[in-house]
Amino acid sequence: MIFVMNKINLLEVTLPILTQLLKICSEFLTFVIHSLVTDVGNAPTEKNHRNQAHRQNRQGGHGSFN
């Protein structure tokens, strides 16, 4: 009987902690997915990438084309 009471007490203590951990994990995953989606939306286009490489070349940056 005492063993059963100890198990119930342990469950009462760990259940709220596990619930909080689950909440934190879900919020973190939501944040990560949201930032991934917005990063894809703000990704530089191919034209912008070429222009940036061209500017770097004119300024003596890396690249062997004019």
PDB file of N, CA and C in Angstrom:
ATOM      1  N   MET A   1       0.828  -1.205   0.000  1.00  0.00           N
ATOM      2  CA  MET A   1       0.000   0.000   0.000  1.00  0.00           C
ATOM      3  C   MET A   1       0.863   1.255   0.000  1.00  0.00           C
ATOM      4  N   ILE A   2       1.926   1.243   0.788  1.00  0.00           N
ATOM      5  CA  ILE A   2       2.820   2.411   0.836  1.00  0.00           C
ATOM      6  C   ILE A   2       3.491   2.598  -0.524  1.00  0.00           C
ATOM      7  N   PHE A   3       3.864   1.480  -1.157  1.00  0.00           N
ATOM      8  CA  PHE A   3       4.517   1.554  -2.469  1.00  0.00           C
ATOM      9  C   PHE A   3       3.602   2.206  -3.503  1.00  0.00           C
ATOM     10  N   VAL A   4       2.313   1.872  -3.463  1.00  0.00           N
ATOM     11  CA  VAL A   4       1.353   2.457  -4.400  1.00  0.00           C
ATOM     12  C   VAL A   4       1.235   3.953  -4.153  1.00  0.00           C
ATOM     13  N   MET A   5       1.224   4.384  -2.905  1.00  0.00           N
ATOM     14  CA  MET A   5       1.140   5.815  -2.577  1.00  0.00           C
ATOM     15  C   MET A   5       2.381   6.550  -3.095  1.00  0.00           C
ATOM     16  N   ASN A   6       3.541   5.934  -2.948  1.00  0.00           N
ATOM     17  CA  ASN A   6       4.765   6.562  -3.439  1.00  0.00           C
ATOM     18  C   ASN A   6       4.718   6.745  -4.949  1.00  0.00           C
ATOM     19  N   LYS A   7       4.185   5.758  -5.641  1.00  0.00           N
ATOM     20  CA  LYS A   7       4.074   5.862  -7.095  1.00  0.00           C
ATOM     21  C   LYS A   7       3.150   7.005  -7.489  1.00  0.00           C
ATOM     22  N   ILE A   8       2.048   7.153  -6.782  1.00  0.00           N
ATOM     23  CA  ILE A   8       1.100   8.228  -7.093  1.00  0.00           C
ATOM     24  C   ILE A   8       1.759   9.582  -6.831  1.00  0.00           C
ATOM     25  N   ASN A   9       2.486   9.710  -5.737  1.00  0.00           N
ATOM     26  CA  ASN A   9       3.180  10.966  -5.444  1.00  0.00           C
ATOM     27  C   ASN A   9       4.200  11.291  -6.525  1.00  0.00           C
ATOM     28  N   LEU A  10       4.929  10.280  -6.950  1.00  0.00           N
ATOM     29  CA  LEU A  10       5.933  10.481  -7.995  1.00  0.00           C
ATOM     30  C   LEU A  10       5.269  10.962  -9.277  1.00  0.00           C
ATOM     31  N   LEU A  11       4.121  10.385  -9.600  1.00  0.00           N
ATOM     32  CA  LEU A  11       3.394  10.787 -10.798  1.00  0.00           C
ATOM     33  C   LEU A  11       2.911  12.228 -10.677  1.00  0.00           C
ATOM     34  N   GLU A  12       2.435  12.603  -9.496  1.00  0.00           N
ATOM     35  CA  GLU A  12       1.967  13.976  -9.284  1.00  0.00           C
ATOM     36  C   GLU A  12       3.100  14.976  -9.464  1.00  0.00           C
ATOM     37  N   VAL A  13       4.297  14.586  -9.126  1.00  0.00           N
ATOM     38  CA  VAL A  13       5.443  15.495  -9.253  1.00  0.00           C
ATOM     39  C   VAL A  13       5.941  15.541 -10.694  1.00  0.00           C
ATOM     40  N   THR A  14       6.040  14.390 -11.335  1.00  0.00           N
ATOM     41  CA  THR A  14       6.653  14.362 -12.666  1.00  0.00           C
ATOM     42  C   THR A  14       5.701  14.781 -13.777  1.00  0.00           C
ATOM     43  N   LEU A  15       4.414  14.595 -13.592  1.00  0.00           N
ATOM     44  CA  LEU A  15       3.467  14.925 -14.659  1.00  0.00           C
ATOM     45  C   LEU A  15       3.490  16.407 -15.033  1.00  0.00           C
ATOM     46  N   PRO A  16       3.433  17.334 -14.075  1.00  0.00           N
ATOM     47  CA  PRO A  16       3.513  18.756 -14.466  1.00  0.00           C
ATOM     48  C   PRO A  16       4.841  19.107 -15.134  1.00  0.00           C
ATOM     49  N   ILE A  17       5.919  18.494 -14.675  1.00  0.00           N
ATOM     50  CA  ILE A  17       7.230  18.765 -15.271  1.00  0.00           C
ATOM     51  C   ILE A  17       7.244  18.281 -16.717  1.00  0.00           C
ATOM     52  N   LEU A  18       6.727  17.086 -16.947  1.00  0.00           N
ATOM     53  CA  LEU A  18       6.673  16.554 -18.310  1.00  0.00           C
ATOM     54  C   LEU A  18       5.767  17.404 -19.194  1.00  0.00           C
ATOM     55  N   THR A  19       4.675  17.889 -18.628  1.00  0.00           N
ATOM     56  CA  THR A  19       3.774  18.742 -19.406  1.00  0.00           C
ATOM     57  C   THR A  19       4.480  20.023 -19.819  1.00  0.00           C
ATOM     58  N   GLN A  20       5.222  20.629 -18.894  1.00  0.00           N
ATOM     59  CA  GLN A  20       5.963  21.851 -19.214  1.00  0.00           C
ATOM     60  C   GLN A  20       7.013  21.586 -20.285  1.00  0.00           C
ATOM     61  N   LEU A  21       7.719  20.471 -20.159  1.00  0.00           N
ATOM     62  CA  LEU A  21       8.733  20.127 -21.159  1.00  0.00           C
ATOM     63  C   LEU A  21       8.104  19.951 -22.533  1.00  0.00           C
ATOM     64  N   LEU A  22       6.950  19.311 -22.571  1.00  0.00           N
ATOM     65  CA  LEU A  22       6.256  19.113 -23.839  1.00  0.00           C
ATOM     66  C   LEU A  22       5.848  20.452 -24.446  1.00  0.00           C
ATOM     67  N   LYS A  23       5.365  21.364 -23.608  1.00  0.00           N
ATOM     68  CA  LYS A  23       4.980  22.699 -24.089  1.00  0.00           C
ATOM     69  C   LYS A  23       6.183  23.429 -24.667  1.00  0.00           C
ATOM     70  N   ILE A  24       7.295  23.388 -23.932  1.00  0.00           N
ATOM     71  CA  ILE A  24       8.506  24.083 -24.378  1.00  0.00           C
ATOM     72  C   ILE A  24       8.985  23.498 -25.705  1.00  0.00           C
ATOM     73  N   CYS A  25       8.983  22.172 -25.818  1.00  0.00           N
ATOM     74  CA  CYS A  25       9.424  21.525 -27.059  1.00  0.00           C
ATOM     75  C   CYS A  25       8.525  21.903 -28.227  1.00  0.00           C
ATOM     76  N   SER A  26       7.226  21.934 -27.996  1.00  0.00           N
ATOM     77  CA  SER A  26       6.318  22.266 -29.098  1.00  0.00           C
ATOM     78  C   SER A  26       6.486  23.724 -29.513  1.00  0.00           C
ATOM     79  N   GLU A  27       6.681  24.628 -28.538  1.00  0.00           N
ATOM     80  CA  GLU A  27       6.908  26.035 -28.887  1.00  0.00           C
ATOM     81  C   GLU A  27       8.212  26.192 -29.660  1.00  0.00           C
ATOM     82  N   PHE A  28       9.242  25.465 -29.234  1.00  0.00           N
ATOM     83  CA  PHE A  28      10.528  25.541 -29.921  1.00  0.00           C
ATOM     84  C   PHE A  28      10.407  25.039 -31.358  1.00  0.00           C
ATOM     85  N   LEU A  29       9.716  23.913 -31.533  1.00  0.00           N
ATOM     86  CA  LEU A  29       9.532  23.378 -32.881  1.00  0.00           C
ATOM     87  C   LEU A  29       8.729  24.339 -33.746  1.00  0.00           C
ATOM     88  N   THR A  30       7.713  24.956 -33.163  1.00  0.00           N
ATOM     89  CA  THR A  30       6.927  25.937 -33.915  1.00  0.00           C
ATOM     90  C   THR A  30       7.815  27.090 -34.352  1.00  0.00           C
ATOM     91  N   PHE A  31       8.674  27.564 -33.446  1.00  0.00           N
ATOM     92  CA  PHE A  31       9.583  28.664 -33.769  1.00  0.00           C
ATOM     93  C   PHE A  31      10.546  28.266 -34.884  1.00  0.00           C
ATOM     94  N   VAL A  32      11.114  27.063 -34.786  1.00  0.00           N
ATOM     95  CA  VAL A  32      12.075  26.605 -35.796  1.00  0.00           C
ATOM     96  C   VAL A  32      11.401  26.492 -37.160  1.00  0.00           C
ATOM     97  N   ILE A  33      10.223  25.881 -37.194  1.00  0.00           N
ATOM     98  CA  ILE A  33       9.520  25.723 -38.473  1.00  0.00           C
ATOM     99  C   ILE A  33       9.152  27.085 -39.044  1.00  0.00           C
ATOM    100  N   HIS A  34       8.702  27.994 -38.186  1.00  0.00           N
ATOM    101  CA  HIS A  34       8.323  29.330 -38.654  1.00  0.00           C
ATOM    102  C   HIS A  34       9.533  30.061 -39.235  1.00  0.00           C
ATOM    103  N   SER A  35      10.683  29.977 -38.551  1.00  0.00           N
ATOM    104  CA  SER A  35      11.868  30.671 -39.058  1.00  0.00           C
ATOM    105  C   SER A  35      12.365  30.024 -40.347  1.00  0.00           C
ATOM    106  N   LEU A  36      12.229  28.708 -40.479  1.00  0.00           N
ATOM    107  CA  LEU A  36      12.611  28.057 -41.733  1.00  0.00           C
ATOM    108  C   LEU A  36      11.732  28.539 -42.877  1.00  0.00           C
ATOM    109  N   VAL A  37      10.444  28.653 -42.622  1.00  0.00           N
ATOM    110  CA  VAL A  37       9.524  29.087 -43.672  1.00  0.00           C
ATOM    111  C   VAL A  37       9.825  30.523 -44.072  1.00  0.00           C
ATOM    112  N   THR A  38      10.081  31.404 -43.105  1.00  0.00           N
ATOM    113  CA  THR A  38      10.360  32.799 -43.453  1.00  0.00           C
ATOM    114  C   THR A  38      11.719  32.928 -44.127  1.00  0.00           C
ATOM    115  N   ASP A  39      12.694  32.080 -43.764  1.00  0.00           N
ATOM    116  CA  ASP A  39      13.995  32.119 -44.441  1.00  0.00           C
ATOM    117  C   ASP A  39      13.849  31.745 -45.906  1.00  0.00           C
ATOM    118  N   VAL A  40      13.010  30.759 -46.191  1.00  0.00           N
ATOM    119  CA  VAL A  40      12.792  30.367 -47.583  1.00  0.00           C
ATOM    120  C   VAL A  40      12.159  31.521 -48.342  1.00  0.00           C
ATOM    121  N   GLY A  41      11.253  32.243 -47.702  1.00  0.00           N
ATOM    122  CA  GLY A  41      10.610  33.384 -48.352  1.00  0.00           C
ATOM    123  C   GLY A  41      11.575  34.518 -48.620  1.00  0.00           C
ATOM    124  N   ASN A  42      12.590  34.678 -47.776  1.00  0.00           N
ATOM    125  CA  ASN A  42      13.538  35.782 -47.927  1.00  0.00           C
ATOM    126  C   ASN A  42      14.836  35.356 -48.598  1.00  0.00           C
ATOM    127  N   ALA A  43      14.870  34.164 -49.158  1.00  0.00           N
ATOM    128  CA  ALA A  43      16.099  33.676 -49.778  1.00  0.00           C
ATOM    129  C   ALA A  43      16.448  34.543 -50.984  1.00  0.00           C
ATOM    130  N   PRO A  44      17.719  34.834 -51.185  1.00  0.00           N
ATOM    131  CA  PRO A  44      18.101  35.665 -52.336  1.00  0.00           C
ATOM    132  C   PRO A  44      17.840  34.940 -53.646  1.00  0.00           C
ATOM    133  N   THR A  45      17.412  35.670 -54.626  1.00  0.00           N
ATOM    134  CA  THR A  45      17.154  35.066 -55.937  1.00  0.00           C
ATOM    135  C   THR A  45      18.477  34.863 -56.668  1.00  0.00           C
ATOM    136  N   GLU A  46      18.437  34.124 -57.752  1.00  0.00           N
ATOM    137  CA  GLU A  46      19.651  33.858 -58.532  1.00  0.00           C
ATOM    138  C   GLU A  46      20.231  35.154 -59.075  1.00  0.00           C
ATOM    139  N   LYS A  47      19.365  36.080 -59.517  1.00  0.00           N
ATOM    140  CA  LYS A  47      19.846  37.341 -60.079  1.00  0.00           C
ATOM    141  C   LYS A  47      20.602  38.144 -59.017  1.00  0.00           C
ATOM    142  N   ASN A  48      20.044  38.219 -57.816  1.00  0.00           N
ATOM    143  CA  ASN A  48      20.724  38.939 -56.743  1.00  0.00           C
ATOM    144  C   ASN A  48      22.064  38.296 -56.432  1.00  0.00           C
ATOM    145  N   HIS A  49      22.113  36.983 -56.481  1.00  0.00           N
ATOM    146  CA  HIS A  49      23.356  36.281 -56.186  1.00  0.00           C
ATOM    147  C   HIS A  49      24.411  36.611 -57.246  1.00  0.00           C
ATOM    148  N   ARG A  50      24.022  36.633 -58.517  1.00  0.00           N
ATOM    149  CA  ARG A  50      24.974  36.965 -59.583  1.00  0.00           C
ATOM    150  C   ARG A  50      25.460  38.399 -59.439  1.00  0.00           C
ATOM    151  N   ASN A  51      24.554  39.324 -59.148  1.00  0.00           N
ATOM    152  CA  ASN A  51      24.953  40.723 -58.984  1.00  0.00           C
ATOM    153  C   ASN A  51      25.934  40.878 -57.836  1.00  0.00           C
ATOM    154  N   GLN A  52      25.687  40.161 -56.741  1.00  0.00           N
ATOM    155  CA  GLN A  52      26.583  40.247 -55.599  1.00  0.00           C
ATOM    156  C   GLN A  52      27.963  39.718 -55.976  1.00  0.00           C
ATOM    157  N   ALA A  53      28.020  38.616 -56.722  1.00  0.00           N
ATOM    158  CA  ALA A  53      29.307  38.064 -57.142  1.00  0.00           C
ATOM    159  C   ALA A  53      30.016  39.042 -58.075  1.00  0.00           C
ATOM    160  N   HIS A  54      29.262  39.695 -58.945  1.00  0.00           N
ATOM    161  CA  HIS A  54      29.857  40.659 -59.865  1.00  0.00           C
ATOM    162  C   HIS A  54      30.432  41.848 -59.094  1.00  0.00           C
ATOM    163  N   ARG A  55      29.698  42.336 -58.111  1.00  0.00           N
ATOM    164  CA  ARG A  55      30.196  43.457 -57.296  1.00  0.00           C
ATOM    165  C   ARG A  55      31.461  43.058 -56.555  1.00  0.00           C
ATOM    166  N   GLN A  56      31.476  41.851 -56.005  1.00  0.00           N
ATOM    167  CA  GLN A  56      32.665  41.398 -55.288  1.00  0.00           C
ATOM    168  C   GLN A  56      33.860  41.333 -56.229  1.00  0.00           C
ATOM    169  N   ASN A  57      33.628  40.924 -57.476  1.00  0.00           N
ATOM    170  CA  ASN A  57      34.713  40.812 -58.433  1.00  0.00           C
ATOM    171  C   ASN A  57      35.270  42.195 -58.766  1.00  0.00           C
ATOM    172  N   ARG A  58      34.395  43.177 -58.968  1.00  0.00           N
ATOM    173  CA  ARG A  58      34.864  44.532 -59.281  1.00  0.00           C
ATOM    174  C   ARG A  58      35.640  45.129 -58.119  1.00  0.00           C
ATOM    175  N   GLN A  59      35.278  44.736 -56.906  1.00  0.00           N
ATOM    176  CA  GLN A  59      35.968  45.277 -55.733  1.00  0.00           C
ATOM    177  C   GLN A  59      37.212  44.466 -55.395  1.00  0.00           C
ATOM    178  N   GLY A  60      37.600  43.565 -56.258  1.00  0.00           N
ATOM    179  CA  GLY A  60      38.791  42.758 -55.993  1.00  0.00           C
ATOM    180  C   GLY A  60      38.506  41.563 -55.108  1.00  0.00           C
ATOM    181  N   GLY A  61      37.248  41.164 -55.028  1.00  0.00           N
ATOM    182  CA  GLY A  61      36.894  40.005 -54.215  1.00  0.00           C
ATOM    183  C   GLY A  61      37.218  38.718 -54.930  1.00  0.00           C
ATOM    184  N   HIS A  62      36.749  37.612 -54.381  1.00  0.00           N
ATOM    185  CA  HIS A  62      37.037  36.325 -55.006  1.00  0.00           C
ATOM    186  C   HIS A  62      36.206  36.158 -56.274  1.00  0.00           C
ATOM    187  N   GLY A  63      36.713  35.366 -57.188  1.00  0.00           N
ATOM    188  CA  GLY A  63      36.052  35.138 -58.470  1.00  0.00           C
ATOM    189  C   GLY A  63      36.992  35.512 -59.599  1.00  0.00           C
ATOM    190  N   SER A  64      36.955  34.751 -60.702  1.00  0.00           N
ATOM    191  CA  SER A  64      37.909  34.994 -61.783  1.00  0.00           C
ATOM    192  C   SER A  64      37.228  35.498 -63.043  1.00  0.00           C
ATOM    193  N   PHE A  65      35.992  35.980 -62.937  1.00  0.00           N
ATOM    194  CA  PHE A  65      35.305  36.484 -64.125  1.00  0.00           C
ATOM    195  C   PHE A  65      35.032  37.977 -63.969  1.00  0.00           C
ATOM    196  N   ASN A  66      34.787  38.644 -65.099  1.00  0.00           N
ATOM    197  CA  ASN A  66      34.527  40.091 -65.050  1.00  0.00           C
ATOM    198  C   ASN A  66      33.052  40.372 -65.158  1.00  0.00           C
TER     199      ASN A  66
END
